[in-house]
Amino acid sequence: MVYPLPKRLLDKTFALVLLLLLSPVILALLVAMAISMLLRRDDRGSFLYRERRVSRGLTFDLLKFRTLRADVLDGEHARLLEADEANLTWAGKRVLKPWYLDEIPQLLNVIKGDMSLVGPRPWPPRLVEQQVVEGYTYRNEVPAGLTGLAQVSKGSDQQFQDLDVEYVERCRTLGGWAVARYDLGILASTVRVMARGEGLSY
């Protein structure tokens, strides 16, 4: 699927504006992580964590604030390890994970063009290969997203995969500006879900 110009403009403009607006929050997070590392030896390590993920068939380094202790990082799929709170740093458990603040650095991925604001969540190469074997190739065809239809469809009986396919098919049938408006609706839903504290589906 072509990555239409209106969608690219929306991505880069919103990502840049969000980074500027969130700069005080980012500074506060870095301070909290630094204090956590000073007080707890197990929390020490880098501020950022990089994972290889797939977007439009290409691998890239997904950026996140590090929520896991350095000794449990495996370099492949941190989300599986994050399910166990014992693996989290103090800042990861108390500050970053509850509000998805560890995802903020992905705005840099959006600005770089690695991914979009809206689309199927980026998966590790191994999981994408498994999905392709099952006949689902869309992760190799469209930009991965910071959020997506699957993330805001809580309570839906549809599987993540079906919701991702629904989003991709809608984008294939809509014009460039209509895709941008569709994305804006999903972004608004993302904000509402987070504001209500319901939690996004990841």
Protein backbone atom coordinates (compact mmCIF):
# COMPACT_ATOMS: atom_id res chain seq x y z
CA MET A 1 0.00 0.00 0.00
CA VAL A 2 1.28 3.46 -0.84
CA TYR A 3 2.06 5.64 2.17
CA PRO A 4 -0.01 8.67 1.03
CA LEU A 5 1.33 12.19 1.36
CA PRO A 6 -1.53 13.44 3.64
CA LYS A 7 -0.83 10.58 6.07
CA ARG A 8 2.91 11.37 6.03
CA LEU A 9 2.21 15.07 6.65
CA LEU A 10 -0.13 14.22 9.54
CA ASP A 11 2.45 11.86 11.03
CA LYS A 12 5.41 14.22 10.94
CA THR A 13 3.48 17.34 11.96
CA PHE A 14 1.69 15.73 14.90
CA ALA A 15 4.77 13.83 16.06
CA LEU A 16 6.86 17.01 16.09
CA VAL A 17 4.16 19.03 17.89
CA LEU A 18 3.67 16.24 20.44
CA LEU A 19 7.40 16.05 21.14
CA LEU A 20 7.51 19.79 21.75
CA LEU A 21 4.43 19.73 23.99
CA LEU A 22 5.71 16.71 25.90
CA SER A 23 9.23 18.06 26.41
CA PRO A 24 8.56 18.93 30.11
CA VAL A 25 7.14 15.43 30.64
CA ILE A 26 10.16 13.88 28.93
CA LEU A 27 12.50 15.84 31.19
CA ALA A 28 10.56 14.72 34.26
CA LEU A 29 10.71 11.09 33.10
CA LEU A 30 14.45 11.26 32.60
CA VAL A 31 14.85 12.67 36.12
CA ALA A 32 12.64 9.91 37.57
CA MET A 33 14.63 7.25 35.71
CA ALA A 34 17.94 8.77 36.86
CA ILE A 35 16.79 8.78 40.51
CA SER A 36 15.61 5.18 40.13
CA MET A 37 19.03 4.18 38.79
CA LEU A 38 20.83 6.02 41.58
CA LEU A 39 18.81 4.40 44.34
CA ARG A 40 18.48 0.87 42.94
CA ARG A 41 21.48 -0.94 41.51
CA ASP A 42 19.25 -3.37 39.55
CA ASP A 43 17.65 -0.42 37.70
CA ARG A 44 20.90 0.90 36.26
CA GLY A 45 21.43 0.96 32.52
CA SER A 46 20.57 3.05 29.49
CA PHE A 47 17.60 5.40 29.32
CA LEU A 48 16.53 4.14 25.90
CA TYR A 49 15.88 0.60 24.74
CA ARG A 50 15.99 -0.48 21.09
CA GLU A 51 14.16 -3.45 19.61
CA ARG A 52 14.23 -4.72 16.03
CA ARG A 53 10.73 -4.45 14.56
CA VAL A 54 9.10 -4.60 11.12
CA SER A 55 7.33 -1.79 9.23
CA ARG A 56 6.43 -2.07 5.53
CA GLY A 57 8.62 -5.15 5.27
CA LEU A 58 11.72 -3.37 6.58
CA THR A 59 13.34 -3.80 9.98
CA PHE A 60 14.12 -0.78 12.14
CA ASP A 61 15.11 0.03 15.72
CA LEU A 62 11.97 0.75 17.73
CA LEU A 63 12.77 3.24 20.50
CA LYS A 64 11.34 3.03 24.01
CA PHE A 65 12.22 4.35 27.44
CA ARG A 66 13.68 1.37 29.26
CA THR A 67 11.22 -0.17 31.72
CA LEU A 68 13.05 -3.46 32.28
CA ARG A 69 16.06 -4.17 34.44
CA ALA A 70 19.16 -4.49 32.25
CA ASP A 71 19.77 -8.08 33.40
CA VAL A 72 16.45 -9.34 31.99
CA LEU A 73 16.55 -7.62 28.58
CA ASP A 74 16.74 -10.16 25.78
CA GLY A 75 16.87 -7.76 22.83
CA GLU A 76 13.89 -9.30 21.05
CA HIS A 77 10.44 -8.79 22.57
CA ALA A 78 10.36 -6.81 25.80
CA ARG A 79 6.56 -6.86 26.10
CA LEU A 80 6.55 -10.51 27.13
CA LEU A 81 9.00 -9.73 29.93
CA GLU A 82 7.10 -6.59 31.00
CA ALA A 83 4.12 -8.74 31.98
CA ASP A 84 6.07 -9.77 35.09
CA GLU A 85 6.35 -6.74 37.41
CA ALA A 86 9.44 -8.28 39.02
CA ASN A 87 11.31 -7.53 35.79
CA LEU A 88 10.45 -3.82 35.84
CA THR A 89 12.52 -0.96 37.17
CA TRP A 90 10.95 1.27 39.80
CA ALA A 91 10.36 3.99 37.21
CA GLY A 92 9.02 1.44 34.76
CA LYS A 93 6.46 0.07 37.22
CA ARG A 94 5.41 3.32 38.89
CA VAL A 95 5.71 5.92 36.14
CA LEU A 96 6.32 4.64 32.61
CA LYS A 97 4.07 1.60 32.10
CA PRO A 98 0.80 2.79 33.72
CA TRP A 99 0.42 5.63 31.21
CA TYR A 100 2.34 4.17 28.23
CA LEU A 101 4.97 6.87 28.67
CA ASP A 102 7.68 4.41 27.66
CA GLU A 103 6.28 4.69 24.10
CA ILE A 104 7.05 8.44 23.77
CA PRO A 105 10.43 7.94 22.01
CA GLN A 106 8.55 6.26 19.15
CA LEU A 107 7.56 9.77 18.07
CA LEU A 108 11.17 9.98 16.84
CA ASN A 109 10.57 6.81 14.82
CA VAL A 110 7.54 8.52 13.26
CA ILE A 111 9.51 11.66 12.40
CA LYS A 112 12.26 9.51 10.85
CA GLY A 113 9.67 7.72 8.72
CA ASP A 114 10.23 4.30 10.31
CA MET A 115 6.57 4.08 11.26
CA SER A 116 3.28 6.00 11.31
CA LEU A 117 1.16 7.38 14.12
CA VAL A 118 -1.61 4.93 13.17
CA GLY A 119 -1.27 1.40 11.83
CA PRO A 120 -0.74 -2.17 12.99
CA ARG A 121 1.66 -2.26 15.92
CA PRO A 122 5.24 -3.11 14.88
CA TRP A 123 6.12 -6.72 15.60
CA PRO A 124 9.52 -8.45 15.89
CA PRO A 125 10.72 -10.10 12.66
CA ARG A 126 10.26 -13.64 14.02
CA LEU A 127 6.58 -13.05 14.81
CA VAL A 128 5.98 -11.36 11.46
CA GLU A 129 7.47 -14.40 9.70
CA GLN A 130 5.08 -16.67 11.60
CA GLN A 131 2.15 -14.47 10.60
CA VAL A 132 3.20 -14.54 6.93
CA VAL A 133 3.25 -18.35 7.04
CA GLU A 134 -0.38 -18.15 8.20
CA GLY A 135 -1.19 -16.02 5.12
CA TYR A 136 -1.21 -12.55 6.69
CA THR A 137 1.28 -10.31 4.90
CA TYR A 138 -0.03 -6.85 5.76
CA ARG A 139 2.80 -6.05 8.19
CA ASN A 140 5.16 -6.21 5.22
CA GLU A 141 2.93 -3.90 3.18
CA VAL A 142 1.89 -0.99 5.42
CA PRO A 143 3.64 1.29 7.94
CA ALA A 144 3.52 0.08 11.51
CA GLY A 145 1.78 2.44 13.94
CA LEU A 146 2.19 3.94 17.39
CA THR A 147 -1.50 3.14 17.91
CA GLY A 148 -4.17 1.55 15.77
CA LEU A 149 -7.73 0.30 15.42
CA ALA A 150 -6.87 -2.83 17.41
CA GLN A 151 -5.53 -0.76 20.32
CA VAL A 152 -8.74 1.26 20.82
CA SER A 153 -11.30 -1.51 20.20
CA LYS A 154 -11.59 -2.76 23.77
CA GLY A 155 -14.52 -5.05 24.30
CA SER A 156 -14.58 -6.03 20.64
CA ASP A 157 -15.00 -9.72 19.83
CA GLN A 158 -12.70 -9.29 16.85
CA GLN A 159 -9.14 -10.52 17.12
CA PHE A 160 -6.26 -8.04 16.83
CA GLN A 161 -5.38 -9.55 13.48
CA ASP A 162 -8.90 -8.99 12.12
CA LEU A 163 -8.91 -5.38 13.32
CA ASP A 164 -5.52 -4.76 11.71
CA VAL A 165 -6.79 -6.21 8.43
CA GLU A 166 -9.92 -4.05 8.68
CA TYR A 167 -7.77 -0.93 9.08
CA VAL A 168 -5.52 -1.88 6.16
CA GLU A 169 -8.51 -2.57 3.89
CA ARG A 170 -10.11 0.76 4.81
CA CYS A 171 -6.87 2.55 3.95
CA ARG A 172 -6.70 0.76 0.59
CA THR A 173 -10.17 1.97 -0.38
CA LEU A 174 -9.91 5.54 0.93
CA GLY A 175 -8.19 8.49 -0.72
CA GLY A 176 -5.14 10.14 0.87
CA TRP A 177 -7.00 12.85 2.80
CA ALA A 178 -9.71 10.40 3.87
CA VAL A 179 -6.98 8.15 5.32
CA ALA A 180 -5.64 11.13 7.29
CA ARG A 181 -9.14 11.86 8.67
CA TYR A 182 -9.59 8.18 9.54
CA ASP A 183 -6.26 8.27 11.40
CA LEU A 184 -7.34 11.41 13.27
CA GLY A 185 -10.42 9.55 14.50
CA ILE A 186 -8.30 6.68 15.81
CA LEU A 187 -5.89 9.13 17.47
CA ALA A 188 -8.85 10.83 19.19
CA SER A 189 -10.12 7.43 20.39
CA THR A 190 -6.63 6.64 21.71
CA VAL A 191 -6.63 9.83 23.79
CA ARG A 192 -10.12 9.07 25.16
CA VAL A 193 -9.19 5.51 26.15
CA MET A 194 -6.03 6.70 27.91
CA ALA A 195 -7.84 9.59 29.64
CA ARG A 196 -10.44 7.17 31.02
CA GLY A 197 -7.63 4.97 32.32
CA GLU A 198 -9.06 1.94 30.51
CA GLY A 199 -5.73 0.93 29.00
CA LEU A 200 -4.91 0.34 25.36
CA SER A 201 -4.90 -3.16 23.91
CA TYR A 202 -1.32 -4.08 22.94
